[in-house]
Amino acid sequence: MAAASKVFAARLAGLVVLGPDGESIGRVRDMVITARVGRQQPRVLGLVVEMFTRKRIFVPILRVTTIEPGSVTLTTGNVSLRRFHQRPAEVLALGQVLDSRVRVDDPEHEELHGIDVVVVDLGIEQTRTRDWVVSKVAVRAARGRLGRRAAIRVVDWQHVQGLTHTDLSLPGQGVSALLSQYEGMRPADVANAMRDLPEKRRHELALALDDERLADVVQELPADDQTDLLMHLEVERAADVLEAMDPDDAADVLGVLPETEAESLLRLMDPEDSEPVRRLLEHLPDTAGGLMTPEPVVLTAGATVAEALARVRNPDLTPALASIVCVVRPPTATPTGRYLGCVHLQKLLREPPASLVGGILDTDLPTLAPDDSLTAVTRYFATYNLVCGPVVDDENHLLGAVTVDDVLDHLLPEDWREEDPADE
């Protein structure tokens, strides 16, 4: 198939990036161009490529030998593995330019004169010197007649005003292109992508995400970024997002805020959501009580194996939390009635569905105490080959459960999400 010498930037998003031998390196996530200076056409500097490790690297455009409908091929498989960091003179085509408002003075499209139009794509083409430049801009008026979406018009770059660094830093830019790009991505991948966006675009994206989606993404961000995003939301919205977060993650976020700000947010939260968070904040962060989630899988001894399996099939449960069912006397909400024991998922899979969980309890497995240190919790998981362990108080009430991912989050350096092993 013939290589393209003209292509629209949005078509590149998600394309597989191949080395000269056909080996897959990753996928295109954005395109880096120079900032606009006067009427000069911006040059394409390179591509932001997401590797299979989720790390995003920069590949110079001169390393690209062909662009085809399904892939981008490089001249060499040897590329810098350093994490991409945007420089001051650089602009992200998909992350910053799309959805921006501009003015058009193209004589062939007089119907667009004097009104704000929205950039929906950038057309790039290769020159005789093998450089790539931005030559076209696809735009759309905000709304057509009767509320219908207006038709897309493609105009020459020189007839567009409003794409300078100053223009792109103005608030209120849309994020529909970003939302489309992130659709279907895991929260951790969205969080990773957001870190590569300028601060302004991160805040605009956060405003556009619904509470549940934003909560899932915030939980995957480094602590400083979590605080930054929440503090840029209206306080009522920040409280709503905290309500949607897992209680242990919400407690981690509130634990680093000034006490007065944390208390203000807790008061705005629904009491049913804030109460477990308050209980977690009573414990030191590096103890079992500070690490635990207060929402493990809990059943009474009279529940059947079938009921237990139905509970652990809940797609909102992490694999670690679903690995164990805690069995207690009523009430089953933490802090529960007397803790009786637990049933491991593998045991449930080997028993008849009508059997009672009370008859297959593991009563020999030691439990964690809320004041157990991080070292003690780590040794507990290593000793008993677990990925989830119950936390029980002195009166034998189940308080919650610690999962292995919570332990790893605290064993790794605080900035582990930001560190790049390749740079060390």
Protein backbone atom coordinates (compact mmCIF):
# COMPACT_ATOMS: atom_id res chain seq x y z
CA MET A 1 0.00 0.00 0.00
CA ALA A 2 1.38 3.42 -0.96
CA ALA A 3 2.65 5.62 1.84
CA ALA A 4 0.73 8.84 2.49
CA SER A 5 2.35 12.24 2.02
CA LYS A 6 -0.74 14.05 3.34
CA VAL A 7 -2.69 12.98 6.41
CA PHE A 8 -4.94 14.38 9.13
CA ALA A 9 -3.48 14.29 12.63
CA ALA A 10 -6.50 12.71 14.31
CA ARG A 11 -6.22 9.74 11.94
CA LEU A 12 -2.82 8.96 13.46
CA ALA A 13 -4.18 8.48 16.99
CA GLY A 14 -3.98 4.82 17.96
CA LEU A 15 -2.02 3.67 14.91
CA VAL A 16 0.52 0.93 15.53
CA VAL A 17 4.15 2.09 15.34
CA LEU A 18 6.42 -0.47 13.68
CA GLY A 19 10.18 -0.80 13.49
CA PRO A 20 11.93 -1.50 10.17
CA ASP A 21 11.61 -5.26 10.76
CA GLY A 22 7.90 -5.03 11.43
CA GLU A 23 8.17 -5.34 15.21
CA SER A 24 5.57 -3.37 17.13
CA ILE A 25 6.94 -0.56 19.30
CA GLY A 26 3.69 0.97 20.55
CA ARG A 27 0.86 3.23 19.42
CA VAL A 28 0.62 6.88 18.42
CA ARG A 29 -1.02 9.00 21.11
CA ASP A 30 -0.27 12.54 19.91
CA MET A 31 1.71 14.66 17.49
CA VAL A 32 4.13 17.41 18.51
CA ILE A 33 4.31 20.58 16.39
CA THR A 34 6.08 23.91 16.75
CA ALA A 35 4.21 26.85 18.17
CA ARG A 36 2.76 29.23 15.59
CA VAL A 37 4.85 32.29 14.69
CA GLY A 38 3.05 34.72 12.38
CA ARG A 39 1.82 33.08 9.17
CA GLN A 40 4.63 30.54 9.07
CA GLN A 41 3.48 26.94 8.82
CA PRO A 42 4.22 25.00 12.00
CA ARG A 43 6.61 22.11 11.55
CA VAL A 44 5.80 18.63 12.80
CA LEU A 45 8.54 17.71 15.27
CA GLY A 46 7.54 14.15 16.03
CA LEU A 47 5.08 11.71 17.54
CA VAL A 48 4.23 10.84 21.11
CA VAL A 49 4.25 7.03 21.17
CA GLU A 50 2.84 4.98 24.02
CA MET A 51 4.80 1.78 24.54
CA PHE A 52 3.28 -1.40 25.92
CA THR A 53 4.67 -0.49 29.35
CA ARG A 54 2.35 2.60 29.21
CA LYS A 55 5.36 4.91 29.09
CA ARG A 56 5.11 7.66 26.49
CA ILE A 57 8.20 8.51 24.48
CA PHE A 58 9.03 11.03 21.77
CA VAL A 59 9.89 9.80 18.26
CA PRO A 60 11.28 12.48 15.88
CA ILE A 61 9.29 12.78 12.66
CA LEU A 62 12.48 12.24 10.62
CA ARG A 63 12.55 8.71 12.04
CA VAL A 64 9.22 8.03 10.31
CA THR A 65 9.65 6.42 6.91
CA THR A 66 6.03 5.69 5.96
CA ILE A 67 2.54 6.52 7.20
CA GLU A 68 -0.13 4.08 6.10
CA PRO A 69 -3.83 3.74 7.03
CA GLY A 70 -3.11 1.11 9.68
CA SER A 71 0.42 1.83 10.87
CA VAL A 72 3.41 4.13 11.09
CA THR A 73 6.81 2.63 10.20
CA LEU A 74 10.14 3.93 11.49
CA THR A 75 13.52 3.90 9.79
CA THR A 76 15.07 2.35 12.91
CA GLY A 77 13.99 0.48 15.98
CA ASN A 78 16.52 2.34 18.10
CA VAL A 79 14.59 5.17 19.79
CA SER A 80 15.12 7.06 23.01
CA LEU A 81 13.21 5.41 25.85
CA ARG A 82 13.16 8.51 28.01
CA ARG A 83 9.69 9.63 29.02
CA PHE A 84 8.25 12.39 26.84
CA HIS A 85 8.35 15.86 28.36
CA GLN A 86 6.85 18.75 26.46
CA ARG A 87 9.13 21.76 25.88
CA PRO A 88 7.96 25.38 26.03
CA ALA A 89 8.04 25.89 22.24
CA GLU A 90 6.14 22.68 21.54
CA VAL A 91 2.40 22.16 21.09
CA LEU A 92 0.42 18.91 21.25
CA ALA A 93 -1.76 18.67 18.15
CA LEU A 94 -4.42 16.43 19.67
CA GLY A 95 -4.08 17.44 23.30
CA GLN A 96 -3.97 21.22 22.83
CA VAL A 97 -5.06 22.31 19.34
CA LEU A 98 -8.18 20.23 18.70
CA ASP A 99 -11.36 21.74 20.18
CA SER A 100 -9.79 25.22 20.31
CA ARG A 101 -11.77 28.21 19.00
CA VAL A 102 -10.35 30.14 16.05
CA ARG A 103 -11.35 32.71 13.42
CA VAL A 104 -11.18 32.10 9.67
CA ASP A 105 -10.69 34.67 6.90
CA ASP A 106 -10.67 32.27 3.94
CA PRO A 107 -12.33 34.02 0.94
CA GLU A 108 -13.66 30.64 -0.21
CA HIS A 109 -15.63 30.25 3.01
CA GLU A 110 -17.21 33.62 3.65
CA GLU A 111 -19.94 31.99 5.75
CA LEU A 112 -17.27 31.43 8.45
CA HIS A 113 -16.12 35.04 8.57
CA GLY A 114 -16.66 36.87 11.85
CA ILE A 115 -17.70 33.83 13.90
CA ASP A 116 -15.84 31.50 16.24
CA VAL A 117 -15.26 28.06 14.78
CA VAL A 118 -13.83 24.96 16.46
CA VAL A 119 -10.76 23.08 15.22
CA VAL A 120 -11.63 19.42 14.64
CA ASP A 121 -8.41 18.30 12.92
CA LEU A 122 -5.08 19.38 11.46
CA GLY A 123 -3.88 18.38 7.99
CA ILE A 124 -0.14 17.76 7.63
CA GLU A 125 1.89 17.12 4.52
CA GLN A 126 5.44 16.17 3.67
CA THR A 127 7.68 18.65 1.85
CA ARG A 128 10.43 17.97 -0.67
CA THR A 129 12.98 18.07 2.14
CA ARG A 130 11.11 15.23 3.93
CA ASP A 131 9.93 17.65 6.64
CA TRP A 132 6.27 17.57 7.64
CA VAL A 133 4.33 20.80 8.10
CA VAL A 134 0.79 21.75 9.11
CA SER A 135 -0.93 22.90 5.91
CA LYS A 136 -4.70 22.56 6.54
CA VAL A 137 -7.11 23.09 9.40
CA ALA A 138 -10.48 21.35 9.56
CA VAL A 139 -13.01 23.51 11.38
CA ARG A 140 -16.68 23.44 12.26
CA ALA A 141 -19.06 26.19 13.36
CA ALA A 142 -20.44 25.62 16.83
CA ARG A 143 -23.98 24.76 15.68
CA GLY A 144 -25.87 24.74 12.43
CA ARG A 145 -29.54 25.57 11.91
CA LEU A 146 -32.08 23.80 14.09
CA GLY A 147 -29.30 22.83 16.47
CA ARG A 148 -27.67 20.45 14.01
CA ARG A 149 -23.92 20.10 13.88
CA ALA A 150 -22.48 22.27 11.14
CA ALA A 151 -20.49 20.82 8.27
CA ILE A 152 -16.73 20.51 8.51
CA ARG A 153 -14.74 22.91 6.34
CA VAL A 154 -11.05 22.51 5.47
CA VAL A 155 -9.13 25.76 5.12
CA ASP A 156 -5.50 26.65 4.49
CA TRP A 157 -3.41 27.26 7.59
CA GLN A 158 -2.64 30.88 6.69
CA HIS A 159 -6.35 31.75 6.85
CA VAL A 160 -6.69 30.75 10.50
CA GLN A 161 -6.12 33.06 13.49
CA GLY A 162 -6.12 32.03 17.13
CA LEU A 163 -3.59 29.22 17.49
CA THR A 164 -0.75 31.02 19.23
CA HIS A 165 0.55 29.94 22.63
CA THR A 166 -1.41 32.79 24.18
CA ASP A 167 -4.65 31.73 22.46
CA LEU A 168 -4.21 28.09 23.47
CA SER A 169 -3.71 29.08 27.11
CA LEU A 170 -7.12 30.75 27.35
CA PRO A 171 -9.68 28.89 29.50
CA GLY A 172 -12.89 27.31 28.30
CA GLN A 173 -11.53 25.07 25.54
CA GLY A 174 -13.57 21.99 24.69
CA VAL A 175 -12.33 18.45 25.34
CA SER A 176 -14.48 16.29 23.04
CA ALA A 177 -11.43 15.10 21.08
CA LEU A 178 -9.64 14.08 24.28
CA LEU A 179 -12.72 12.31 25.63
CA SER A 180 -13.03 10.40 22.37
CA GLN A 181 -9.36 9.42 22.51
CA TYR A 182 -9.63 8.18 26.11
CA GLU A 183 -12.89 6.28 25.61
CA GLY A 184 -12.48 2.64 26.63
CA MET A 185 -9.07 3.21 28.24
CA ARG A 186 -8.38 1.94 31.75
CA PRO A 187 -8.34 4.63 34.46
CA ALA A 188 -4.61 4.07 35.03
CA ASP A 189 -3.94 4.67 31.32
CA VAL A 190 -6.06 7.83 31.31
CA ALA A 191 -4.18 9.07 34.38
CA ASN A 192 -0.89 8.37 32.63
CA ALA A 193 -2.05 10.28 29.55
CA MET A 194 -3.29 13.24 31.61
CA ARG A 195 0.15 13.67 33.12
CA ASP A 196 1.50 14.52 29.65
CA LEU A 197 -1.07 17.27 29.12
CA PRO A 198 -0.45 20.91 30.04
CA GLU A 199 -1.96 21.86 33.40
CA LYS A 200 -4.76 23.87 31.77
CA ARG A 201 -5.91 20.89 29.68
CA ARG A 202 -5.78 18.54 32.67
CA HIS A 203 -8.14 20.82 34.57
CA GLU A 204 -10.51 21.17 31.59
CA LEU A 205 -10.58 17.41 31.15
CA ALA A 206 -11.30 16.90 34.85
CA LEU A 207 -14.28 19.25 34.60
CA ALA A 208 -15.68 17.26 31.67
CA LEU A 209 -15.37 13.77 33.17
CA ASP A 210 -18.29 12.47 35.21
CA ASP A 211 -17.76 11.91 38.93
CA GLU A 212 -17.29 8.14 38.76
CA ARG A 213 -14.81 8.28 35.89
CA LEU A 214 -12.86 11.15 37.44
CA ALA A 215 -12.73 9.33 40.78
CA ASP A 216 -11.27 6.24 39.12
CA VAL A 217 -8.66 8.36 37.33
CA VAL A 218 -7.72 10.43 40.40
CA GLN A 219 -7.02 7.23 42.32
CA GLU A 220 -4.31 6.39 39.77
CA LEU A 221 -2.52 9.76 39.90
CA PRO A 222 0.50 10.70 42.04
CA ALA A 223 -0.44 12.38 45.32
CA ASP A 224 0.51 15.90 44.19
CA ASP A 225 -1.58 15.60 41.01
CA GLN A 226 -4.54 14.26 43.01
CA THR A 227 -4.49 17.28 45.28
CA ASP A 228 -4.00 19.69 42.38
CA LEU A 229 -6.99 18.37 40.42
CA LEU A 230 -9.36 18.28 43.37
CA MET A 231 -8.38 21.76 44.55
CA HIS A 232 -9.19 23.18 41.10
CA LEU A 233 -12.73 21.80 41.28
CA GLU A 234 -15.56 23.62 42.99
CA VAL A 235 -15.66 22.40 46.56
CA GLU A 236 -19.06 20.68 46.13
CA ARG A 237 -17.78 18.83 43.05
CA ALA A 238 -14.60 17.81 44.87
CA ALA A 239 -16.74 16.32 47.65
CA ASP A 240 -18.81 14.41 45.07
CA VAL A 241 -15.65 12.96 43.53
CA LEU A 242 -14.35 11.92 46.96
CA GLU A 243 -17.67 10.16 47.59
CA ALA A 244 -17.18 8.18 44.37
CA MET A 245 -13.65 7.13 45.33
CA ASP A 246 -12.81 4.02 47.33
CA PRO A 247 -12.78 5.03 51.01
CA ASP A 248 -9.11 4.15 51.48
CA ASP A 249 -8.09 6.24 48.46
CA ALA A 250 -10.26 9.14 49.60
CA ALA A 251 -8.62 8.94 53.03
CA ASP A 252 -5.16 9.03 51.41
CA VAL A 253 -6.10 12.21 49.52
CA LEU A 254 -7.65 13.93 52.55
CA GLY A 255 -4.76 12.85 54.75
CA VAL A 256 -2.33 15.15 52.92
CA LEU A 257 -4.63 18.19 52.94
CA PRO A 258 -4.64 20.80 55.70
CA GLU A 259 -6.96 19.65 58.48
CA THR A 260 -9.45 22.50 57.95
CA GLU A 261 -9.79 21.81 54.22
CA ALA A 262 -10.13 18.07 54.77
CA GLU A 263 -12.84 18.62 57.38
CA SER A 264 -14.73 20.99 55.05
CA LEU A 265 -14.81 18.34 52.35
CA LEU A 266 -15.84 15.62 54.78
CA ARG A 267 -18.79 17.73 55.94
CA LEU A 268 -19.96 18.17 52.35
CA MET A 269 -19.83 14.43 51.69
CA ASP A 270 -22.80 12.19 52.32
CA PRO A 271 -22.46 10.89 55.92
CA GLU A 272 -22.77 7.33 54.66
CA ASP A 273 -19.66 7.90 52.51
CA SER A 274 -17.71 10.12 54.90
CA GLU A 275 -18.06 7.91 57.97
CA PRO A 276 -15.77 5.07 56.74
CA VAL A 277 -13.28 7.67 55.54
CA ARG A 278 -13.24 9.29 58.99
CA ARG A 279 -12.57 5.89 60.59
CA LEU A 280 -9.63 5.31 58.27
CA LEU A 281 -8.19 8.74 59.06
CA GLU A 282 -8.03 7.73 62.75
CA HIS A 283 -5.19 5.33 61.88
CA LEU A 284 -1.64 6.13 60.87
CA PRO A 285 -1.23 5.79 57.08
CA ASP A 286 1.53 3.13 57.33
CA THR A 287 -0.47 0.74 59.50
CA ALA A 288 -2.96 -1.96 58.60
CA GLY A 289 -5.77 0.34 59.73
CA GLY A 290 -4.55 3.11 57.45
CA LEU A 291 -3.96 0.77 54.51
CA MET A 292 -7.21 -1.18 54.64
CA THR A 293 -10.42 -0.76 52.72
CA PRO A 294 -13.53 -0.82 54.93
CA GLU A 295 -15.51 -2.54 52.16
CA PRO A 296 -14.30 -6.15 51.84
CA VAL A 297 -16.63 -8.96 50.77
CA VAL A 298 -18.57 -9.82 53.93
CA LEU A 299 -21.23 -12.53 54.45
CA THR A 300 -22.84 -14.34 57.35
CA ALA A 301 -22.29 -18.04 58.03
CA GLY A 302 -25.74 -18.85 56.63
CA ALA A 303 -24.89 -17.65 53.11
CA THR A 304 -24.41 -20.27 50.41
CA VAL A 305 -21.38 -20.82 48.20
CA ALA A 306 -23.52 -19.66 45.26
CA GLU A 307 -24.21 -16.36 47.05
CA ALA A 308 -20.52 -15.93 47.84
CA LEU A 309 -19.52 -16.53 44.21
CA ALA A 310 -22.14 -14.05 43.05
CA ARG A 311 -20.62 -11.43 45.36
CA VAL A 312 -17.04 -11.93 44.18
CA ARG A 313 -18.16 -11.73 40.54
CA ASN A 314 -18.87 -8.04 41.07
CA PRO A 315 -16.84 -6.30 38.32
CA ASP A 316 -16.19 -3.34 40.64
CA LEU A 317 -14.12 -5.54 42.96
CA THR A 318 -10.38 -5.75 42.39
CA PRO A 319 -9.04 -9.31 41.87
CA ALA A 320 -7.23 -9.04 45.22
CA LEU A 321 -10.34 -8.02 47.16
CA ALA A 322 -12.38 -10.76 45.45
CA SER A 323 -9.89 -13.44 46.53
CA ILE A 324 -11.34 -13.77 50.02
CA VAL A 325 -14.80 -13.71 51.64
CA CYS A 326 -14.93 -12.65 55.28
CA VAL A 327 -17.60 -14.40 57.37
CA VAL A 328 -19.04 -12.65 60.43
CA ARG A 329 -22.03 -12.51 62.73
CA PRO A 330 -24.47 -9.68 61.93
CA PRO A 331 -24.17 -6.83 61.24
CA THR A 332 -22.15 -7.24 58.08
CA ALA A 333 -21.26 -3.55 57.63
CA THR A 334 -17.86 -2.70 59.09
CA PRO A 335 -17.20 -2.66 61.97
CA THR A 336 -19.10 -5.94 61.86
CA GLY A 337 -20.29 -8.42 64.42
CA ARG A 338 -17.91 -11.11 65.62
CA TYR A 339 -15.43 -12.27 62.97
CA LEU A 340 -15.76 -16.03 62.41
CA GLY A 341 -13.21 -16.75 59.68
CA CYS A 342 -12.78 -16.48 55.94
CA VAL A 343 -13.28 -18.51 52.79
CA HIS A 344 -10.78 -18.33 49.94
CA LEU A 345 -11.99 -18.06 46.36
CA GLN A 346 -10.34 -21.33 45.34
CA LYS A 347 -12.22 -23.12 48.13
CA LEU A 348 -15.51 -21.66 46.91
CA LEU A 349 -14.84 -22.96 43.42
CA ARG A 350 -14.40 -26.51 44.73
CA GLU A 351 -17.58 -26.70 46.81
CA PRO A 352 -21.20 -27.43 45.81
CA PRO A 353 -23.20 -24.22 45.23
CA ALA A 354 -25.74 -25.09 47.93
CA SER A 355 -23.13 -25.56 50.67
CA LEU A 356 -23.02 -22.99 53.46
CA VAL A 357 -19.91 -20.85 53.81
CA GLY A 358 -20.09 -21.38 57.58
CA GLY A 359 -19.15 -25.02 57.01
CA ILE A 360 -15.99 -24.36 54.99
CA LEU A 361 -14.38 -21.61 57.03
CA ASP A 362 -10.64 -21.13 57.34
CA THR A 363 -10.44 -20.38 61.06
CA ASP A 364 -6.71 -20.97 61.37
CA LEU A 365 -5.56 -18.01 59.28
CA PRO A 366 -4.24 -15.27 61.59
CA THR A 367 -5.71 -11.80 61.16
CA LEU A 368 -4.13 -8.36 61.05
CA ALA A 369 -4.56 -5.81 63.83
CA PRO A 370 -5.30 -2.20 62.86
CA ASP A 371 -2.05 -0.94 64.44
CA ASP A 372 0.19 -3.50 62.70
CA SER A 373 3.05 -1.73 60.93
CA LEU A 374 3.67 -1.79 57.18
CA THR A 375 6.57 -4.19 57.78
CA ALA A 376 4.31 -6.53 59.75
CA VAL A 377 1.67 -6.42 57.03
CA THR A 378 4.27 -7.17 54.36
CA ARG A 379 5.58 -10.14 56.32
CA TYR A 380 2.00 -11.36 56.82
CA PHE A 381 1.37 -11.45 53.05
CA ALA A 382 4.70 -13.14 52.37
CA THR A 383 4.23 -15.72 55.15
CA TYR A 384 0.73 -16.82 54.18
CA ASN A 385 0.97 -16.29 50.39
CA LEU A 386 -2.03 -13.95 50.35
CA VAL A 387 -3.17 -11.01 48.28
CA CYS A 388 -5.82 -9.91 50.80
CA GLY A 389 -5.96 -10.12 54.58
CA PRO A 390 -8.71 -9.29 57.13
CA VAL A 391 -8.16 -6.58 59.75
CA VAL A 392 -9.80 -7.33 63.11
CA ASP A 393 -9.87 -5.25 66.32
CA ASP A 394 -9.31 -6.38 69.92
CA GLU A 395 -13.00 -7.25 70.31
CA ASN A 396 -12.89 -9.46 67.19
CA HIS A 397 -14.90 -7.08 64.99
CA LEU A 398 -13.93 -7.03 61.33
CA LEU A 399 -12.81 -3.50 60.40
CA GLY A 400 -11.76 -4.07 56.81
CA ALA A 401 -9.16 -5.79 54.66
CA VAL A 402 -5.73 -4.91 53.31
CA THR A 403 -4.93 -5.85 49.70
CA VAL A 404 -1.52 -6.39 48.19
CA ASP A 405 -1.86 -3.36 45.87
CA ASP A 406 -2.30 -1.12 48.93
CA VAL A 407 0.91 -2.57 50.38
CA LEU A 408 2.85 -2.05 47.14
CA ASP A 409 1.66 1.57 46.90
CA HIS A 410 3.28 2.24 50.28
CA LEU A 411 6.41 0.14 49.75
CA LEU A 412 7.32 1.95 46.55
CA PRO A 413 8.65 5.54 46.65
CA GLU A 414 5.94 8.20 46.93
CA ASP A 415 6.67 9.38 43.39
CA TRP A 416 6.86 5.90 41.84
CA ARG A 417 4.22 6.82 39.25
CA GLU A 418 6.41 9.67 38.08
CA GLU A 419 9.77 7.93 38.14
CA ASP A 420 11.15 6.41 34.97
CA PRO A 421 13.45 3.43 35.56
CA ALA A 422 15.08 4.06 32.17
CA ASP A 423 16.23 7.49 33.39
CA GLU A 424 17.89 6.23 36.57
